[in-house]
Amino acid sequence: MPPLPPIAEPTFELVVTAAEVEEGKRLFTDYCFACHGANAVSGGITPDLRRTSAQVHGQINDIVLGGAREGLGMPRFDDSLDEDDVRMIQGYILHRASESAGGF
Protein backbone atom coordinates (compact mmCIF):
# COMPACT_ATOMS: atom_id res chain seq x y z
CA MET A 1 0.00 0.00 0.00
CA PRO A 2 1.22 3.52 -0.68
CA PRO A 3 2.09 5.64 2.34
CA LEU A 4 -0.71 7.66 3.87
CA PRO A 5 -0.68 11.43 3.49
CA PRO A 6 0.33 13.51 6.50
CA ILE A 7 -2.27 14.14 9.20
CA ALA A 8 -4.27 17.26 8.32
CA GLU A 9 -5.17 19.96 10.81
CA PRO A 10 -8.69 19.13 12.05
CA THR A 11 -11.53 21.28 10.75
CA PHE A 12 -14.04 20.17 13.40
CA GLU A 13 -14.08 22.60 16.30
CA LEU A 14 -14.76 21.61 19.88
CA VAL A 15 -14.14 23.76 22.93
CA VAL A 16 -12.34 21.77 25.62
CA THR A 17 -10.01 22.76 28.42
CA ALA A 18 -6.55 21.31 28.94
CA ALA A 19 -7.93 19.37 31.92
CA GLU A 20 -10.67 17.89 29.72
CA VAL A 21 -8.10 16.85 27.11
CA GLU A 22 -6.14 15.10 29.87
CA GLU A 23 -9.29 13.34 31.08
CA GLY A 24 -10.05 12.44 27.48
CA LYS A 25 -6.59 10.90 27.22
CA ARG A 26 -7.27 8.81 30.32
CA LEU A 27 -10.64 7.68 28.97
CA PHE A 28 -9.13 6.96 25.55
CA THR A 29 -6.49 4.79 27.21
CA ASP A 30 -9.16 2.92 29.17
CA TYR A 31 -11.68 2.41 26.35
CA CYS A 32 -10.10 3.04 22.93
CA PHE A 33 -6.40 2.25 23.13
CA ALA A 34 -6.70 -1.51 22.59
CA CYS A 35 -8.17 -1.05 19.11
CA HIS A 36 -7.15 2.47 18.06
CA GLY A 37 -3.57 2.51 19.38
CA ALA A 38 -1.39 4.34 21.84
CA ASN A 39 -1.65 8.11 21.57
CA ALA A 40 -4.46 7.60 19.02
CA VAL A 41 -2.01 6.25 16.44
CA SER A 42 -3.54 3.18 14.84
CA GLY A 43 -1.47 0.25 13.69
CA GLY A 44 -3.53 0.08 10.50
CA ILE A 45 -6.15 -2.54 11.30
CA THR A 46 -8.65 -0.05 12.74
CA PRO A 47 -9.14 3.61 11.82
CA ASP A 48 -6.51 6.11 12.89
CA LEU A 49 -8.80 8.50 14.75
CA ARG A 50 -6.49 11.44 14.12
CA ARG A 51 -7.76 11.26 10.53
CA THR A 52 -11.44 11.45 11.52
CA SER A 53 -13.42 13.77 9.25
CA ALA A 54 -15.56 16.64 10.53
CA GLN A 55 -18.63 14.71 9.35
CA VAL A 56 -17.72 11.67 11.47
CA HIS A 57 -16.87 13.90 14.44
CA GLY A 58 -20.43 15.21 14.13
CA GLN A 59 -21.74 11.65 14.52
CA ILE A 60 -19.45 10.62 17.37
CA ASN A 61 -22.20 10.08 19.97
CA ASP A 62 -24.17 7.90 17.54
CA ILE A 63 -21.03 5.85 16.90
CA VAL A 64 -19.63 5.50 20.43
CA LEU A 65 -22.86 5.49 22.43
CA GLY A 66 -25.52 4.52 19.90
CA GLY A 67 -23.73 1.66 18.15
CA ALA A 68 -24.00 3.13 14.64
CA ARG A 69 -20.91 1.17 13.55
CA GLU A 70 -21.43 -2.08 15.43
CA GLY A 71 -21.76 -3.87 12.10
CA LEU A 72 -18.21 -2.75 11.30
CA GLY A 73 -16.84 -4.05 14.60
CA MET A 74 -17.06 -0.84 16.65
CA PRO A 75 -18.72 -1.71 19.97
CA ARG A 76 -21.06 0.66 21.73
CA PHE A 77 -20.09 2.07 25.10
CA ASP A 78 -23.38 3.47 26.38
CA ASP A 79 -23.13 1.18 29.40
CA SER A 80 -19.88 2.78 30.60
CA LEU A 81 -19.52 6.23 28.98
CA ASP A 82 -21.80 9.26 28.70
CA GLU A 83 -21.88 12.21 26.28
CA ASP A 84 -19.52 14.25 28.45
CA ASP A 85 -16.98 11.40 28.48
CA VAL A 86 -17.23 11.09 24.70
CA ARG A 87 -16.74 14.87 24.31
CA MET A 88 -13.52 14.67 26.34
CA ILE A 89 -12.28 11.68 24.32
CA GLN A 90 -13.10 13.59 21.18
CA GLY A 91 -11.20 16.61 22.51
CA TYR A 92 -8.18 14.39 23.07
CA ILE A 93 -8.42 12.92 19.55
CA LEU A 94 -8.66 16.42 18.04
CA HIS A 95 -5.70 17.52 20.17
CA ARG A 96 -3.64 14.55 18.94
CA ALA A 97 -4.64 15.28 15.33
CA SER A 98 -3.56 18.90 15.71
CA GLU A 99 -0.28 17.83 17.33
CA SER A 100 0.37 15.39 14.51
CA ALA A 101 -0.38 18.08 11.91
CA GLY A 102 2.13 20.37 13.60
CA GLY A 103 -0.49 22.63 15.20
CA PHE A 104 0.68 22.35 18.83
PDB file of N, CA and C in Angstrom:
ATOM      1  N   MET A   1       0.841  -1.180   0.000  1.00  0.00           N
ATOM      2  CA  MET A   1       0.000   0.000   0.000  1.00  0.00           C
ATOM      3  C   MET A   1       0.888   1.246   0.000  1.00  0.00           C
ATOM      4  N   PRO A   2       0.448   2.278  -0.702  1.00  0.00           N
ATOM      5  CA  PRO A   2       1.220   3.523  -0.684  1.00  0.00           C
ATOM      6  C   PRO A   2       1.138   4.175   0.695  1.00  0.00           C
ATOM      7  N   PRO A   3       2.127   4.978   1.038  1.00  0.00           N
ATOM      8  CA  PRO A   3       2.088   5.645   2.343  1.00  0.00           C
ATOM      9  C   PRO A   3       0.894   6.601   2.438  1.00  0.00           C
ATOM     10  N   LEU A   4       0.395   6.739   3.646  1.00  0.00           N
ATOM     11  CA  LEU A   4      -0.714   7.660   3.870  1.00  0.00           C
ATOM     12  C   LEU A   4      -0.215   9.095   3.845  1.00  0.00           C
ATOM     13  N   PRO A   5      -1.088  10.023   3.449  1.00  0.00           N
ATOM     14  CA  PRO A   5      -0.681  11.430   3.494  1.00  0.00           C
ATOM     15  C   PRO A   5      -0.514  11.882   4.935  1.00  0.00           C
ATOM     16  N   PRO A   6       0.167  12.995   5.138  1.00  0.00           N
ATOM     17  CA  PRO A   6       0.328  13.513   6.503  1.00  0.00           C
ATOM     18  C   PRO A   6      -1.033  13.786   7.147  1.00  0.00           C
ATOM     19  N   ILE A   7      -1.052  13.813   8.462  1.00  0.00           N
ATOM     20  CA  ILE A   7      -2.268  14.140   9.198  1.00  0.00           C
ATOM     21  C   ILE A   7      -2.588  15.611   8.927  1.00  0.00           C
ATOM     22  N   ALA A   8      -3.829  15.889   8.575  1.00  0.00           N
ATOM     23  CA  ALA A   8      -4.265  17.263   8.316  1.00  0.00           C
ATOM     24  C   ALA A   8      -4.758  17.914   9.609  1.00  0.00           C
ATOM     25  N   GLU A   9      -4.626  19.210   9.678  1.00  0.00           N
ATOM     26  CA  GLU A   9      -5.166  19.961  10.810  1.00  0.00           C
ATOM     27  C   GLU A   9      -6.682  19.726  10.836  1.00  0.00           C
ATOM     28  N   PRO A  10      -7.259  19.379  11.989  1.00  0.00           N
ATOM     29  CA  PRO A  10      -8.694  19.131  12.051  1.00  0.00           C
ATOM     30  C   PRO A  10      -9.499  20.383  11.712  1.00  0.00           C
ATOM     31  N   THR A  11     -10.635  20.169  11.052  1.00  0.00           N
ATOM     32  CA  THR A  11     -11.535  21.280  10.749  1.00  0.00           C
ATOM     33  C   THR A  11     -12.717  21.317  11.709  1.00  0.00           C
ATOM     34  N   PHE A  12     -12.951  20.225  12.418  1.00  0.00           N
ATOM     35  CA  PHE A  12     -14.041  20.169  13.400  1.00  0.00           C
ATOM     36  C   PHE A  12     -13.594  20.925  14.640  1.00  0.00           C
ATOM     37  N   GLU A  13     -14.439  21.813  15.128  1.00  0.00           N
ATOM     38  CA  GLU A  13     -14.084  22.598  16.305  1.00  0.00           C
ATOM     39  C   GLU A  13     -14.873  22.135  17.516  1.00  0.00           C
ATOM     40  N   LEU A  14     -14.176  22.032  18.613  1.00  0.00           N
ATOM     41  CA  LEU A  14     -14.756  21.614  19.882  1.00  0.00           C
ATOM     42  C   LEU A  14     -14.017  22.357  20.981  1.00  0.00           C
ATOM     43  N   VAL A  15     -14.760  23.019  21.840  1.00  0.00           N
ATOM     44  CA  VAL A  15     -14.139  23.764  22.927  1.00  0.00           C
ATOM     45  C   VAL A  15     -13.955  22.819  24.113  1.00  0.00           C
ATOM     46  N   VAL A  16     -12.683  22.589  24.454  1.00  0.00           N
ATOM     47  CA  VAL A  16     -12.336  21.773  25.621  1.00  0.00           C
ATOM     48  C   VAL A  16     -11.164  22.436  26.336  1.00  0.00           C
ATOM     49  N   THR A  17     -11.124  22.237  27.627  1.00  0.00           N
ATOM     50  CA  THR A  17     -10.015  22.760  28.418  1.00  0.00           C
ATOM     51  C   THR A  17      -8.858  21.764  28.398  1.00  0.00           C
ATOM     52  N   ALA A  18      -7.693  22.214  28.837  1.00  0.00           N
ATOM     53  CA  ALA A  18      -6.545  21.311  28.941  1.00  0.00           C
ATOM     54  C   ALA A  18      -6.850  20.154  29.889  1.00  0.00           C
ATOM     55  N   ALA A  19      -7.565  20.436  30.966  1.00  0.00           N
ATOM     56  CA  ALA A  19      -7.926  19.374  31.917  1.00  0.00           C
ATOM     57  C   ALA A  19      -8.865  18.355  31.260  1.00  0.00           C
ATOM     58  N   GLU A  20      -9.766  18.820  30.413  1.00  0.00           N
ATOM     59  CA  GLU A  20     -10.674  17.894  29.722  1.00  0.00           C
ATOM     60  C   GLU A  20      -9.913  17.048  28.700  1.00  0.00           C
ATOM     61  N   VAL A  21      -8.925  17.633  28.041  1.00  0.00           N
ATOM     62  CA  VAL A  21      -8.096  16.853  27.113  1.00  0.00           C
ATOM     63  C   VAL A  21      -7.357  15.762  27.885  1.00  0.00           C
ATOM     64  N   GLU A  22      -6.835  16.098  29.050  1.00  0.00           N
ATOM     65  CA  GLU A  22      -6.140  15.099  29.872  1.00  0.00           C
ATOM     66  C   GLU A  22      -7.088  13.986  30.316  1.00  0.00           C
ATOM     67  N   GLU A  23      -8.291  14.359  30.712  1.00  0.00           N
ATOM     68  CA  GLU A  23      -9.285  13.338  31.082  1.00  0.00           C
ATOM     69  C   GLU A  23      -9.667  12.517  29.862  1.00  0.00           C
ATOM     70  N   GLY A  24      -9.775  13.160  28.723  1.00  0.00           N
ATOM     71  CA  GLY A  24     -10.049  12.440  27.479  1.00  0.00           C
ATOM     72  C   GLY A  24      -8.960  11.440  27.158  1.00  0.00           C
ATOM     73  N   LYS A  25      -7.708  11.818  27.429  1.00  0.00           N
ATOM     74  CA  LYS A  25      -6.590  10.899  27.219  1.00  0.00           C
ATOM     75  C   LYS A  25      -6.722   9.681  28.127  1.00  0.00           C
ATOM     76  N   ARG A  26      -7.090   9.917  29.387  1.00  0.00           N
ATOM     77  CA  ARG A  26      -7.265   8.809  30.323  1.00  0.00           C
ATOM     78  C   ARG A  26      -8.386   7.884  29.852  1.00  0.00           C
ATOM     79  N   LEU A  27      -9.506   8.478  29.450  1.00  0.00           N
ATOM     80  CA  LEU A  27     -10.639   7.682  28.966  1.00  0.00           C
ATOM     81  C   LEU A  27     -10.279   6.943  27.682  1.00  0.00           C
ATOM     82  N   PHE A  28      -9.570   7.605  26.787  1.00  0.00           N
ATOM     83  CA  PHE A  28      -9.133   6.959  25.551  1.00  0.00           C
ATOM     84  C   PHE A  28      -8.284   5.737  25.881  1.00  0.00           C
ATOM     85  N   THR A  29      -7.359   5.904  26.816  1.00  0.00           N
ATOM     86  CA  THR A  29      -6.489   4.795  27.210  1.00  0.00           C
ATOM     87  C   THR A  29      -7.308   3.639  27.777  1.00  0.00           C
ATOM     88  N   ASP A  30      -8.321   3.956  28.559  1.00  0.00           N
ATOM     89  CA  ASP A  30      -9.156   2.919  29.173  1.00  0.00           C
ATOM     90  C   ASP A  30     -10.078   2.221  28.179  1.00  0.00           C
ATOM     91  N   TYR A  31     -10.619   2.961  27.206  1.00  0.00           N
ATOM     92  CA  TYR A  31     -11.677   2.413  26.355  1.00  0.00           C
ATOM     93  C   TYR A  31     -11.306   2.255  24.881  1.00  0.00           C
ATOM     94  N   CYS A  32     -10.342   2.986  24.372  1.00  0.00           N
ATOM     95  CA  CYS A  32     -10.104   3.042  22.926  1.00  0.00           C
ATOM     96  C   CYS A  32      -8.738   2.505  22.503  1.00  0.00           C
ATOM     97  N   PHE A  33      -7.781   2.601  23.411  1.00  0.00           N
ATOM     98  CA  PHE A  33      -6.396   2.253  23.128  1.00  0.00           C
ATOM     99  C   PHE A  33      -6.235   0.866  22.511  1.00  0.00           C
ATOM    100  N   ALA A  34      -6.901  -0.125  23.033  1.00  0.00           N
ATOM    101  CA  ALA A  34      -6.696  -1.507  22.587  1.00  0.00           C
ATOM    102  C   ALA A  34      -6.931  -1.670  21.087  1.00  0.00           C
ATOM    103  N   CYS A  35      -7.881  -0.941  20.544  1.00  0.00           N
ATOM    104  CA  CYS A  35      -8.173  -1.046  19.109  1.00  0.00           C
ATOM    105  C   CYS A  35      -7.563   0.090  18.289  1.00  0.00           C
ATOM    106  N   HIS A  36      -7.555   1.293  18.843  1.00  0.00           N
ATOM    107  CA  HIS A  36      -7.154   2.466  18.065  1.00  0.00           C
ATOM    108  C   HIS A  36      -5.738   2.950  18.346  1.00  0.00           C
ATOM    109  N   GLY A  37      -4.989   2.261  19.199  1.00  0.00           N
ATOM    110  CA  GLY A  37      -3.565   2.508  19.376  1.00  0.00           C
ATOM    111  C   GLY A  37      -3.181   3.536  20.410  1.00  0.00           C
ATOM    112  N   ALA A  38      -1.955   3.401  20.868  1.00  0.00           N
ATOM    113  CA  ALA A  38      -1.393   4.341  21.837  1.00  0.00           C
ATOM    114  C   ALA A  38      -1.318   5.731  21.225  1.00  0.00           C
ATOM    115  N   ASN A  39      -1.678   6.716  22.011  1.00  0.00           N
ATOM    116  CA  ASN A  39      -1.651   8.114  21.568  1.00  0.00           C
ATOM    117  C   ASN A  39      -2.519   8.356  20.338  1.00  0.00           C
ATOM    118  N   ALA A  40      -3.523   7.512  20.140  1.00  0.00           N
ATOM    119  CA  ALA A  40      -4.465   7.602  19.020  1.00  0.00           C
ATOM    120  C   ALA A  40      -3.775   7.377  17.675  1.00  0.00           C
ATOM    121  N   VAL A  41      -2.711   6.597  17.674  1.00  0.00           N
ATOM    122  CA  VAL A  41      -2.010   6.249  16.439  1.00  0.00           C
ATOM    123  C   VAL A  41      -2.311   4.785  16.152  1.00  0.00           C
ATOM    124  N   SER A  42      -3.130   4.532  15.161  1.00  0.00           N
ATOM    125  CA  SER A  42      -3.543   3.181  14.836  1.00  0.00           C
ATOM    126  C   SER A  42      -2.422   2.414  14.151  1.00  0.00           C
ATOM    127  N   GLY A  43      -2.420   1.114  14.368  1.00  0.00           N
ATOM    128  CA  GLY A  43      -1.471   0.245  13.689  1.00  0.00           C
ATOM    129  C   GLY A  43      -1.900  -0.116  12.283  1.00  0.00           C
ATOM    130  N   GLY A  44      -3.075   0.327  11.859  1.00  0.00           N
ATOM    131  CA  GLY A  44      -3.525   0.083  10.496  1.00  0.00           C
ATOM    132  C   GLY A  44      -4.712  -0.847  10.359  1.00  0.00           C
ATOM    133  N   ILE A  45      -5.010  -1.621  11.382  1.00  0.00           N
ATOM    134  CA  ILE A  45      -6.149  -2.538  11.299  1.00  0.00           C
ATOM    135  C   ILE A  45      -7.470  -1.783  11.511  1.00  0.00           C
ATOM    136  N   THR A  46      -7.466  -0.873  12.459  1.00  0.00           N
ATOM    137  CA  THR A  46      -8.651  -0.047  12.740  1.00  0.00           C
ATOM    138  C   THR A  46      -8.345   1.397  12.361  1.00  0.00           C
ATOM    139  N   PRO A  47      -9.372   2.222  12.232  1.00  0.00           N
ATOM    140  CA  PRO A  47      -9.137   3.613  11.816  1.00  0.00           C
ATOM    141  C   PRO A  47      -8.205   4.376  12.759  1.00  0.00           C
ATOM    142  N   ASP A  48      -7.345   5.179  12.149  1.00  0.00           N
ATOM    143  CA  ASP A  48      -6.506   6.114  12.890  1.00  0.00           C
ATOM    144  C   ASP A  48      -7.396   7.323  13.164  1.00  0.00           C
ATOM    145  N   LEU A  49      -7.810   7.489  14.405  1.00  0.00           N
ATOM    146  CA  LEU A  49      -8.803   8.499  14.745  1.00  0.00           C
ATOM    147  C   LEU A  49      -8.305   9.923  14.564  1.00  0.00           C
ATOM    148  N   ARG A  50      -7.013  10.110  14.421  1.00  0.00           N
ATOM    149  CA  ARG A  50      -6.488  11.442  14.120  1.00  0.00           C
ATOM    150  C   ARG A  50      -6.929  11.896  12.732  1.00  0.00           C
ATOM    151  N   ARG A  51      -7.326  10.972  11.898  1.00  0.00           N
ATOM    152  CA  ARG A  51      -7.763  11.264  10.529  1.00  0.00           C
ATOM    153  C   ARG A  51      -9.280  11.381  10.408  1.00  0.00           C
ATOM    154  N   THR A  52      -9.978  11.402  11.526  1.00  0.00           N
ATOM    155  CA  THR A  52     -11.440  11.454  11.518  1.00  0.00           C
ATOM    156  C   THR A  52     -11.932  12.737  10.870  1.00  0.00           C
ATOM    157  N   SER A  53     -12.871  12.606   9.947  1.00  0.00           N
ATOM    158  CA  SER A  53     -13.422  13.770   9.249  1.00  0.00           C
ATOM    159  C   SER A  53     -14.369  14.561  10.155  1.00  0.00           C
ATOM    160  N   ALA A  54     -14.609  15.803   9.783  1.00  0.00           N
ATOM    161  CA  ALA A  54     -15.558  16.642  10.530  1.00  0.00           C
ATOM    162  C   ALA A  54     -16.942  15.988  10.526  1.00  0.00           C
ATOM    163  N   GLN A  55     -17.325  15.369   9.428  1.00  0.00           N
ATOM    164  CA  GLN A  55     -18.632  14.707   9.350  1.00  0.00           C
ATOM    165  C   GLN A  55     -18.736  13.581  10.379  1.00  0.00           C
ATOM    166  N   VAL A  56     -17.711  12.767  10.498  1.00  0.00           N
ATOM    167  CA  VAL A  56     -17.723  11.671  11.471  1.00  0.00           C
ATOM    168  C   VAL A  56     -17.674  12.227  12.888  1.00  0.00           C
ATOM    169  N   HIS A  57     -16.880  13.275  13.113  1.00  0.00           N
ATOM    170  CA  HIS A  57     -16.869  13.900  14.442  1.00  0.00           C
ATOM    171  C   HIS A  57     -18.280  14.339  14.836  1.00  0.00           C
ATOM    172  N   GLY A  58     -19.048  14.796  13.869  1.00  0.00           N
ATOM    173  CA  GLY A  58     -20.428  15.210  14.134  1.00  0.00           C
ATOM    174  C   GLY A  58     -21.346  14.062  14.513  1.00  0.00           C
ATOM    175  N   GLN A  59     -20.934  12.847  14.226  1.00  0.00           N
ATOM    176  CA  GLN A  59     -21.738  11.653  14.517  1.00  0.00           C
ATOM    177  C   GLN A  59     -21.178  10.845  15.686  1.00  0.00           C
ATOM    178  N   ILE A  60     -20.210  11.396  16.387  1.00  0.00           N
ATOM    179  CA  ILE A  60     -19.449  10.624  17.375  1.00  0.00           C
ATOM    180  C   ILE A  60     -20.323   9.979  18.452  1.00  0.00           C
ATOM    181  N   ASN A  61     -21.344  10.685  18.942  1.00  0.00           N
ATOM    182  CA  ASN A  61     -22.200  10.081  19.966  1.00  0.00           C
ATOM    183  C   ASN A  61     -22.987   8.900  19.412  1.00  0.00           C
ATOM    184  N   ASP A  62     -23.449   9.014  18.161  1.00  0.00           N
ATOM    185  CA  ASP A  62     -24.165   7.901  17.537  1.00  0.00           C
ATOM    186  C   ASP A  62     -23.256   6.684  17.368  1.00  0.00           C
ATOM    187  N   ILE A  63     -21.983   6.937  17.111  1.00  0.00           N
ATOM    188  CA  ILE A  63     -21.033   5.849  16.899  1.00  0.00           C
ATOM    189  C   ILE A  63     -20.631   5.208  18.233  1.00  0.00           C
ATOM    190  N   VAL A  64     -20.183   6.030  19.171  1.00  0.00           N
ATOM    191  CA  VAL A  64     -19.633   5.503  20.431  1.00  0.00           C
ATOM    192  C   VAL A  64     -20.728   5.055  21.395  1.00  0.00           C
ATOM    193  N   LEU A  65     -21.797   5.825  21.474  1.00  0.00           N
ATOM    194  CA  LEU A  65     -22.864   5.489  22.432  1.00  0.00           C
ATOM    195  C   LEU A  65     -24.021   4.747  21.790  1.00  0.00           C
ATOM    196  N   GLY A  66     -24.339   5.083  20.545  1.00  0.00           N
ATOM    197  CA  GLY A  66     -25.519   4.516  19.900  1.00  0.00           C
ATOM    198  C   GLY A  66     -25.285   3.254  19.102  1.00  0.00           C
ATOM    199  N   GLY A  67     -24.018   2.898  18.874  1.00  0.00           N
ATOM    200  CA  GLY A  67     -23.729   1.658  18.150  1.00  0.00           C
ATOM    201  C   GLY A  67     -23.894   1.747  16.644  1.00  0.00           C
ATOM    202  N   ALA A  68     -23.788   2.956  16.077  1.00  0.00           N
ATOM    203  CA  ALA A  68     -24.001   3.127  14.639  1.00  0.00           C
ATOM    204  C   ALA A  68     -23.023   2.323  13.776  1.00  0.00           C
ATOM    205  N   ARG A  69     -21.899   1.934  14.329  1.00  0.00           N
ATOM    206  CA  ARG A  69     -20.913   1.171  13.545  1.00  0.00           C
ATOM    207  C   ARG A  69     -20.639  -0.210  14.131  1.00  0.00           C
ATOM    208  N   GLU A  70     -21.607  -0.729  14.878  1.00  0.00           N
ATOM    209  CA  GLU A  70     -21.435  -2.076  15.435  1.00  0.00           C
ATOM    210  C   GLU A  70     -21.224  -3.113  14.346  1.00  0.00           C
ATOM    211  N   GLY A  71     -21.900  -2.938  13.211  1.00  0.00           N
ATOM    212  CA  GLY A  71     -21.755  -3.871  12.101  1.00  0.00           C
ATOM    213  C   GLY A  71     -20.359  -3.884  11.502  1.00  0.00           C
ATOM    214  N   LEU A  72     -19.588  -2.843  11.781  1.00  0.00           N
ATOM    215  CA  LEU A  72     -18.205  -2.750  11.302  1.00  0.00           C
ATOM    216  C   LEU A  72     -17.196  -3.144  12.382  1.00  0.00           C
ATOM    217  N   GLY A  73     -17.715  -3.595  13.531  1.00  0.00           N
ATOM    218  CA  GLY A  73     -16.841  -4.050  14.604  1.00  0.00           C
ATOM    219  C   GLY A  73     -16.610  -3.043  15.716  1.00  0.00           C
ATOM    220  N   MET A  74     -17.226  -1.858  15.627  1.00  0.00           N
ATOM    221  CA  MET A  74     -17.064  -0.836  16.651  1.00  0.00           C
ATOM    222  C   MET A  74     -18.126  -1.053  17.725  1.00  0.00           C
ATOM    223  N   PRO A  75     -17.711  -1.480  18.921  1.00  0.00           N
ATOM    224  CA  PRO A  75     -18.716  -1.710  19.967  1.00  0.00           C
ATOM    225  C   PRO A  75     -19.302  -0.399  20.482  1.00  0.00           C
ATOM    226  N   ARG A  76     -20.441  -0.513  21.092  1.00  0.00           N
ATOM    227  CA  ARG A  76     -21.061   0.657  21.728  1.00  0.00           C
ATOM    228  C   ARG A  76     -20.625   0.691  23.180  1.00  0.00           C
ATOM    229  N   PHE A  77     -20.565   1.907  23.739  1.00  0.00           N
ATOM    230  CA  PHE A  77     -20.088   2.075  25.104  1.00  0.00           C
ATOM    231  C   PHE A  77     -21.096   2.821  25.976  1.00  0.00           C
ATOM    232  N   ASP A  78     -22.360   2.744  25.617  1.00  0.00           N
ATOM    233  CA  ASP A  78     -23.378   3.472  26.382  1.00  0.00           C
ATOM    234  C   ASP A  78     -23.588   2.914  27.784  1.00  0.00           C
ATOM    235  N   ASP A  79     -23.019   1.752  28.055  1.00  0.00           N
ATOM    236  CA  ASP A  79     -23.129   1.179  29.397  1.00  0.00           C
ATOM    237  C   ASP A  79     -22.023   1.672  30.328  1.00  0.00           C
ATOM    238  N   SER A  80     -20.991   2.342  29.755  1.00  0.00           N
ATOM    239  CA  SER A  80     -19.882   2.780  30.599  1.00  0.00           C
ATOM    240  C   SER A  80     -19.429   4.222  30.353  1.00  0.00           C
ATOM    241  N   LEU A  81     -19.871   4.845  29.280  1.00  0.00           N
ATOM    242  CA  LEU A  81     -19.521   6.230  28.984  1.00  0.00           C
ATOM    243  C   LEU A  81     -20.789   7.054  28.790  1.00  0.00           C
ATOM    244  N   ASP A  82     -20.665   8.370  28.998  1.00  0.00           N
ATOM    245  CA  ASP A  82     -21.796   9.258  28.701  1.00  0.00           C
ATOM    246  C   ASP A  82     -21.320  10.309  27.700  1.00  0.00           C
ATOM    247  N   GLU A  83     -22.209  11.212  27.299  1.00  0.00           N
ATOM    248  CA  GLU A  83     -21.876  12.211  26.281  1.00  0.00           C
ATOM    249  C   GLU A  83     -20.714  13.100  26.708  1.00  0.00           C
ATOM    250  N   ASP A  84     -20.625  13.424  27.970  1.00  0.00           N
ATOM    251  CA  ASP A  84     -19.519  14.254  28.452  1.00  0.00           C
ATOM    252  C   ASP A  84     -18.193  13.505  28.320  1.00  0.00           C
ATOM    253  N   ASP A  85     -18.183  12.226  28.646  1.00  0.00           N
ATOM    254  CA  ASP A  85     -16.984  11.404  28.480  1.00  0.00           C
ATOM    255  C   ASP A  85     -16.557  11.377  27.007  1.00  0.00           C
ATOM    256  N   VAL A  86     -17.526  11.168  26.127  1.00  0.00           N
ATOM    257  CA  VAL A  86     -17.234  11.093  24.697  1.00  0.00           C
ATOM    258  C   VAL A  86     -16.684  12.436  24.207  1.00  0.00           C
ATOM    259  N   ARG A  87     -17.226  13.542  24.696  1.00  0.00           N
ATOM    260  CA  ARG A  87     -16.736  14.871  24.309  1.00  0.00           C
ATOM    261  C   ARG A  87     -15.275  15.036  24.716  1.00  0.00           C
ATOM    262  N   MET A  88     -14.911  14.559  25.901  1.00  0.00           N
ATOM    263  CA  MET A  88     -13.518  14.674  26.343  1.00  0.00           C
ATOM    264  C   MET A  88     -12.600  13.760  25.526  1.00  0.00           C
ATOM    265  N   ILE A  89     -13.050  12.559  25.195  1.00  0.00           N
ATOM    266  CA  ILE A  89     -12.276  11.678  24.320  1.00  0.00           C
ATOM    267  C   ILE A  89     -12.100  12.342  22.958  1.00  0.00           C
ATOM    268  N   GLN A  90     -13.152  12.908  22.459  1.00  0.00           N
ATOM    269  CA  GLN A  90     -13.103  13.595  21.177  1.00  0.00           C
ATOM    270  C   GLN A  90     -12.129  14.778  21.235  1.00  0.00           C
ATOM    271  N   GLY A  91     -12.152  15.515  22.330  1.00  0.00           N
ATOM    272  CA  GLY A  91     -11.200  16.608  22.511  1.00  0.00           C
ATOM    273  C   GLY A  91      -9.766  16.114  22.472  1.00  0.00           C
ATOM    274  N   TYR A  92      -9.522  14.986  23.094  1.00  0.00           N
ATOM    275  CA  TYR A  92      -8.181  14.388  23.070  1.00  0.00           C
ATOM    276  C   TYR A  92      -7.796  13.981  21.647  1.00  0.00           C
ATOM    277  N   ILE A  93      -8.697  13.346  20.931  1.00  0.00           N
ATOM    278  CA  ILE A  93      -8.418  12.922  19.555  1.00  0.00           C
ATOM    279  C   ILE A  93      -8.115  14.140  18.680  1.00  0.00           C
ATOM    280  N   LEU A  94      -8.907  15.193  18.820  1.00  0.00           N
ATOM    281  CA  LEU A  94      -8.659  16.419  18.045  1.00  0.00           C
ATOM    282  C   LEU A  94      -7.317  17.049  18.424  1.00  0.00           C
ATOM    283  N   HIS A  95      -6.987  17.005  19.707  1.00  0.00           N
ATOM    284  CA  HIS A  95      -5.698  17.521  20.171  1.00  0.00           C
ATOM    285  C   HIS A  95      -4.552  16.727  19.537  1.00  0.00           C
ATOM    286  N   ARG A  96      -4.680  15.408  19.529  1.00  0.00           N
ATOM    287  CA  ARG A  96      -3.641  14.554  18.935  1.00  0.00           C
ATOM    288  C   ARG A  96      -3.535  14.791  17.425  1.00  0.00           C
ATOM    289  N   ALA A  97      -4.678  14.995  16.766  1.00  0.00           N
ATOM    290  CA  ALA A  97      -4.643  15.282  15.327  1.00  0.00           C
ATOM    291  C   ALA A  97      -3.916  16.594  15.062  1.00  0.00           C
ATOM    292  N   SER A  98      -4.214  17.602  15.862  1.00  0.00           N
ATOM    293  CA  SER A  98      -3.562  18.895  15.709  1.00  0.00           C
ATOM    294  C   SER A  98      -2.063  18.797  15.994  1.00  0.00           C
ATOM    295  N   GLU A  99      -1.701  18.058  17.033  1.00  0.00           N
ATOM    296  CA  GLU A  99      -0.280  17.834  17.330  1.00  0.00           C
ATOM    297  C   GLU A  99       0.422  17.164  16.139  1.00  0.00           C
ATOM    298  N   SER A 100      -0.214  16.149  15.610  1.00  0.00           N
ATOM    299  CA  SER A 100       0.374  15.388  14.509  1.00  0.00           C
ATOM    300  C   SER A 100       0.490  16.224  13.238  1.00  0.00           C
ATOM    301  N   ALA A 101      -0.408  17.181  13.071  1.00  0.00           N
ATOM    302  CA  ALA A 101      -0.377  18.078  11.907  1.00  0.00           C
ATOM    303  C   ALA A 101       0.614  19.220  12.107  1.00  0.00           C
ATOM    304  N   GLY A 102       1.167  19.319  13.322  1.00  0.00           N
ATOM    305  CA  GLY A 102       2.126  20.373  13.603  1.00  0.00           C
ATOM    306  C   GLY A 102       1.499  21.603  14.217  1.00  0.00           C
ATOM    307  N   GLY A 103       0.235  21.479  14.668  1.00  0.00           N
ATOM    308  CA  GLY A 103      -0.494  22.627  15.204  1.00  0.00           C
ATOM    309  C   GLY A 103      -0.195  22.968  16.643  1.00  0.00           C
ATOM    310  N   PHE A 104       0.384  22.067  17.410  1.00  0.00           N
ATOM    311  CA  PHE A 104       0.677  22.347  18.833  1.00  0.00           C
ATOM    312  C   PHE A 104       2.162  22.351  19.052  1.00  0.00           C
TER     313      PHE A 104
END
